[in-house]
C-alpha cells in the first residue's frame, strides 16, 4: 500500500525538475508574447529609419509652400525630388524644375530655430508632411554656365544666347519679366526663375549681389520630377521643348 510519503514523492507539483520545466515554458511563453507586443513598434521604427535614409540620399517629397511656381506647381502640391538626378556626372539643364538651398545666394542671414521644433519639422519634411527649410527654393532653370540670358526682345520674350524662349508654362497674364536684365551666367552656376513671374522672388531680385543672382550648382538638392499629391494633379515635370532650340553659349564661358 502506498504511504502518504510515497504519494508525495510521486506528486509532479513537488518534483523540482518537472516544476522547473513548467516554469521555463511559462517564462518562454511570456517572452514570446512580449516579442509579439513590441514587434509592431520595432517595424514602425525601422520603416521611419528607412524613409529617412531614402529621403536623405535618394528621393524626397517636397511640399510646395508658395505660389511662385503657379500654375505648374500649386500651394500644397507634393513633388518628388530626385536627389540622384545630378550625380554621377549629370548637371541641371535649361527648363528643369529644381529644388536648391539658397543659403549664400538668395539668403544671407542665419536661420534661427528651436532645435526640437527643427527636428520635428525635418522629420515631417522627409515625409512631405511639413515645409522644408526656409532656405530651400523651387524654381525653373533658365540659364546654365556660359549662357547669356537677357530680357527682353521686342516681343517681350526672354532670350538665351540670342534665341527667344517660348515660355508656355508661365502663369496666365504674367509677362516674362517686368525687370530688364542682361547677364552671362558664370560657370558652375545657374540662372533660375519662378513660373509665376509676378509672385516669384528669384534670380532677378539678386542682380546686384555676388554671383549676379545666380546660384551654385553644388547647392542644388535635386530635380522635381513628379507631382505625387493631390492625386488629381499626378503628372511628370518635363523640361519644355522650347529649350531644345537654345544654341550652345559662345565665348570663354562655354
Protein backbone atom coordinates (compact mmCIF):
# COMPACT_ATOMS: atom_id res chain seq x y z
CA UNK A 1 0.00 0.00 0.00
CA UNK A 2 1.21 3.44 -0.89
CA UNK A 3 2.03 5.64 2.01
CA UNK A 4 1.49 9.37 2.16
CA UNK A 5 5.23 9.81 1.85
CA UNK A 6 5.32 7.77 -1.36
CA UNK A 7 2.38 9.71 -2.82
CA UNK A 8 4.07 12.97 -2.04
CA UNK A 9 7.24 11.80 -3.75
CA UNK A 10 5.27 10.97 -6.93
CA UNK A 11 3.36 14.31 -6.92
CA UNK A 12 4.61 16.25 -10.04
CA UNK A 13 3.97 19.56 -8.35
CA UNK A 14 6.52 18.70 -5.77
CA UNK A 15 9.08 17.46 -8.28
CA UNK A 16 11.75 20.17 -8.55
CA UNK A 17 12.78 19.04 -12.02
CA UNK A 18 9.28 18.94 -13.50
CA UNK A 19 8.31 22.14 -11.69
CA UNK A 20 11.28 23.89 -13.19
CA UNK A 21 10.25 22.69 -16.67
CA UNK A 22 6.79 24.17 -16.35
CA UNK A 23 8.27 27.43 -15.11
CA UNK A 24 10.65 27.57 -18.07
CA UNK A 25 7.82 27.00 -20.52
CA UNK A 26 5.80 29.73 -18.85
CA UNK A 27 8.75 32.14 -18.98
CA UNK A 28 9.34 31.38 -22.66
CA UNK A 29 5.65 31.98 -23.38
CA UNK A 30 5.78 35.34 -21.66
CA UNK A 31 8.91 36.28 -23.61
CA UNK A 32 7.21 35.31 -26.88
CA UNK A 33 4.16 37.43 -26.03
CA UNK A 34 6.44 40.38 -25.20
CA UNK A 35 8.25 39.96 -28.54
CA UNK A 36 4.95 40.00 -30.42
CA UNK A 37 3.83 43.04 -28.45
CA UNK A 38 6.91 45.10 -29.37
CA UNK A 39 7.34 43.83 -32.92
CA UNK A 40 4.97 46.43 -34.48
CA UNK A 41 6.85 49.20 -32.69
CA UNK A 42 10.16 47.84 -33.98
CA UNK A 43 8.81 47.60 -37.53
CA UNK A 44 7.48 51.14 -37.32
CA UNK A 45 10.84 52.49 -36.16
CA UNK A 46 12.65 50.56 -38.93
CA UNK A 47 10.24 51.98 -41.52
CA UNK A 48 10.90 55.52 -40.29
CA UNK A 49 14.66 54.95 -40.45
CA UNK A 50 14.32 53.57 -43.99
CA UNK A 51 12.21 56.53 -45.13
CA UNK A 52 14.65 58.96 -43.55
CA UNK A 53 17.62 57.39 -45.36
CA UNK A 54 15.64 57.26 -48.61
CA UNK A 55 14.69 60.94 -48.39
CA UNK A 56 18.23 61.94 -47.42
CA UNK A 57 20.09 60.20 -50.22
CA UNK A 58 17.69 59.12 -52.99
CA UNK A 59 14.34 60.94 -53.27
CA UNK A 60 12.40 63.28 -51.03
CA UNK A 61 8.82 64.54 -51.15
CA UNK A 62 8.76 68.34 -51.12
CA UNK A 63 5.77 70.40 -50.00
CA UNK A 64 5.16 73.46 -52.20
CA UNK A 65 4.74 76.39 -49.79
CA UNK A 66 4.09 79.35 -52.12
CA UNK A 67 2.54 80.43 -55.42
CA UNK A 68 5.85 81.30 -57.10
CA UNK A 69 5.65 78.32 -59.50
CA UNK A 70 1.95 78.50 -60.43
CA UNK A 71 0.35 77.17 -62.46
CA UNK A 72 2.95 74.43 -62.86
CA UNK A 73 3.02 73.87 -59.09
CA UNK A 74 0.35 74.99 -56.68
CA UNK A 75 0.40 75.62 -52.94
CA UNK A 76 0.03 72.30 -51.13
CA UNK A 77 1.33 70.16 -54.01
CA UNK A 78 3.79 67.42 -53.09
CA UNK A 79 6.54 66.85 -55.60
CA UNK A 80 9.08 64.05 -55.58
CA UNK A 81 12.62 65.43 -55.73
CA UNK A 82 15.16 63.10 -57.32
CA UNK A 83 18.42 63.60 -55.42
CA UNK A 84 20.35 61.32 -57.77
CA UNK A 85 19.42 63.25 -60.92
CA UNK A 86 22.60 65.32 -60.91
CA UNK A 87 25.00 62.76 -59.52
CA UNK A 88 27.49 60.68 -61.48
CA UNK A 89 28.41 63.47 -63.90
CA UNK A 90 24.96 64.85 -64.73
CA UNK A 91 24.11 68.54 -64.35
CA UNK A 92 20.95 70.67 -64.34
CA UNK A 93 19.62 71.52 -67.79
CA UNK A 94 17.62 74.51 -69.06
CA UNK A 95 13.95 74.01 -68.30
CA UNK A 96 14.46 71.69 -65.32
CA UNK A 97 12.43 72.39 -62.18
CA UNK A 98 14.87 72.14 -59.29
CA UNK A 99 14.93 72.43 -55.51
CA UNK A 100 18.01 74.13 -54.09
CA UNK A 101 19.44 75.58 -50.90
CA UNK A 102 19.50 79.36 -51.24
CA UNK A 103 21.99 79.92 -48.42
CA UNK A 104 24.70 82.29 -49.62
CA UNK A 105 22.83 83.27 -52.80
CA UNK A 106 19.18 84.06 -52.02
CA UNK A 107 19.57 84.03 -48.22
CA UNK A 108 22.37 85.87 -46.39
CA UNK A 109 21.18 85.64 -42.80
CA UNK A 110 21.32 82.98 -40.12
CA UNK A 111 18.12 80.97 -39.71
CA UNK A 112 17.31 80.63 -36.01
CA UNK A 113 15.07 77.76 -34.91
CA UNK A 114 14.34 75.82 -31.75
CA UNK A 115 16.31 72.52 -32.02
CA UNK A 116 13.32 70.35 -31.04
CA UNK A 117 10.99 72.19 -33.41
CA UNK A 118 13.59 71.94 -36.15
CA UNK A 119 13.99 68.19 -35.65
CA UNK A 120 10.24 67.59 -35.79
CA UNK A 121 9.90 69.77 -38.88
CA UNK A 122 12.74 67.95 -40.64
CA UNK A 123 11.08 64.62 -39.85
CA UNK A 124 7.81 65.91 -41.28
CA UNK A 125 9.58 67.35 -44.33
CA UNK A 126 11.23 63.98 -45.00
CA UNK A 127 7.73 62.53 -45.40
CA UNK A 128 6.37 65.50 -47.33
CA UNK A 129 4.05 66.41 -44.45
CA UNK A 130 5.70 69.70 -43.50
CA UNK A 131 7.53 72.51 -45.23
CA UNK A 132 11.23 72.14 -45.84
CA UNK A 133 13.89 74.56 -44.58
CA UNK A 134 13.16 78.27 -45.07
CA UNK A 135 16.31 78.38 -47.21
CA UNK A 136 15.01 75.81 -49.72
CA UNK A 137 13.54 77.10 -53.00
CA UNK A 138 11.87 75.55 -56.03
CA UNK A 139 12.48 77.31 -59.38
CA UNK A 140 12.99 76.62 -63.07
CA UNK A 141 16.45 76.69 -64.65
CA UNK A 142 16.55 79.30 -67.42
CA UNK A 143 20.30 79.60 -68.00
CA UNK A 144 23.31 77.39 -67.26
CA UNK A 145 27.01 78.22 -67.04
CA UNK A 146 28.16 80.31 -70.01
CA UNK A 147 24.66 81.27 -71.16
CA UNK A 148 23.80 84.89 -71.85
CA UNK A 149 20.28 85.49 -70.52
CA UNK A 150 18.60 88.77 -71.47
CA UNK A 151 15.23 90.42 -71.07
CA UNK A 152 13.61 91.25 -73.20
CA UNK A 153 13.40 91.23 -77.00
CA UNK A 154 10.98 93.43 -78.99
CA UNK A 155 8.19 90.93 -78.41
CA UNK A 156 8.82 90.86 -74.66
CA UNK A 157 10.43 87.43 -74.62
CA UNK A 158 13.46 86.29 -72.64
CA UNK A 159 16.42 85.32 -74.81
CA UNK A 160 19.08 82.74 -74.06
CA UNK A 161 22.19 83.01 -76.25
CA UNK A 162 20.21 85.17 -78.66
CA UNK A 163 17.36 82.67 -79.02
CA UNK A 164 13.90 83.74 -77.75
CA UNK A 165 12.25 81.25 -75.39
CA UNK A 166 8.57 80.43 -75.77
CA UNK A 167 7.57 80.08 -72.12
CA UNK A 168 4.20 78.40 -72.35
CA UNK A 169 4.41 77.40 -68.70
CA UNK A 170 4.10 80.98 -67.41
CA UNK A 171 1.18 81.88 -65.17
CA UNK A 172 -1.64 83.31 -67.33
CA UNK A 173 -1.34 87.07 -67.60
CA UNK A 174 2.30 87.22 -66.49
CA UNK A 175 4.97 88.91 -68.58
CA UNK A 176 8.30 87.05 -68.86
CA UNK A 177 9.79 89.79 -66.66
CA UNK A 178 8.99 93.33 -65.62
CA UNK A 179 12.67 93.78 -64.72
CA UNK A 180 15.16 94.13 -67.60
CA UNK A 181 18.44 92.25 -67.24
CA UNK A 182 21.43 91.11 -69.27
CA UNK A 183 23.73 88.61 -67.61
CA UNK A 184 26.25 85.96 -68.55
CA UNK A 185 25.87 83.04 -66.14
CA UNK A 186 29.22 82.15 -64.52
CA UNK A 187 30.49 78.63 -64.97
CA UNK A 188 29.19 76.26 -62.30
CA UNK A 189 26.15 78.42 -61.58
CA UNK A 190 22.50 78.70 -62.72
CA UNK A 191 20.03 81.47 -63.51
CA UNK A 192 16.63 80.44 -62.09
CA UNK A 193 13.13 81.94 -62.22
CA UNK A 194 9.65 81.06 -60.98
CA UNK A 195 6.84 80.34 -63.42
CA UNK A 196 4.60 82.90 -61.70
CA UNK A 197 6.86 85.82 -62.53
CA UNK A 198 4.68 88.41 -60.78
CA UNK A 199 4.86 86.44 -57.50
CA UNK A 200 8.35 84.94 -57.65
CA UNK A 201 11.45 86.07 -55.79
CA UNK A 202 14.21 84.64 -57.95
CA UNK A 203 17.49 85.47 -59.67
CA UNK A 204 16.15 88.85 -60.78
CA UNK A 205 15.87 90.02 -57.16
CA UNK A 206 19.59 89.44 -56.50
CA UNK A 207 21.16 91.02 -59.58
CA UNK A 208 23.29 93.45 -57.57
CA UNK A 209 24.71 90.78 -55.24
CA UNK A 210 27.70 88.50 -55.54
CA UNK A 211 27.04 85.99 -58.32
CA UNK A 212 24.63 88.39 -60.04
CA UNK A 213 21.56 86.49 -58.86
CA UNK A 214 22.81 83.07 -59.94
CA UNK A 215 23.03 80.03 -57.65
CA UNK A 216 25.86 77.48 -57.35
CA UNK A 217 25.20 74.06 -58.86
CA UNK A 218 26.53 72.40 -55.71
CA UNK A 219 23.60 73.92 -53.78
CA UNK A 220 21.06 72.04 -55.91
CA UNK A 221 19.26 69.42 -53.83
CA UNK A 222 17.64 67.64 -56.76
CA UNK A 223 15.24 67.76 -59.68
CA UNK A 224 11.49 67.87 -59.13
CA UNK A 225 10.28 65.18 -61.47
CA UNK A 226 6.78 64.21 -60.35
CA UNK A 227 3.72 65.71 -58.68
CA UNK A 228 2.56 62.97 -56.31
CA UNK A 229 -0.23 64.74 -54.43
CA UNK A 230 -3.07 65.51 -54.76
CA UNK A 231 -3.87 62.53 -56.94
CA UNK A 232 -5.90 64.72 -59.31
CA UNK A 233 -2.68 66.56 -60.21
CA UNK A 234 -0.48 63.50 -60.65
CA UNK A 235 1.90 64.33 -63.52
CA UNK A 236 5.56 64.46 -64.52
CA UNK A 237 7.54 67.70 -64.71
CA UNK A 238 9.34 67.51 -68.04
CA UNK A 239 11.57 70.22 -69.48
CA UNK A 240 9.72 72.22 -72.20
CA UNK A 241 10.78 71.51 -75.75
CA UNK A 242 11.40 75.22 -76.40
CA UNK A 243 14.73 74.96 -74.57
CA UNK A 244 16.00 72.34 -77.01
CA UNK A 245 16.48 75.08 -79.64
CA UNK A 246 18.86 77.12 -77.48
CA UNK A 247 22.32 77.23 -79.10
CA UNK A 248 25.47 76.49 -77.12
CA UNK A 249 26.97 79.52 -75.37
CA UNK A 250 29.71 81.35 -77.19
CA UNK A 251 32.98 82.67 -75.78
CA UNK A 252 35.26 81.55 -72.96
CA UNK A 253 32.35 80.77 -70.60
CA UNK A 254 31.20 77.79 -72.63
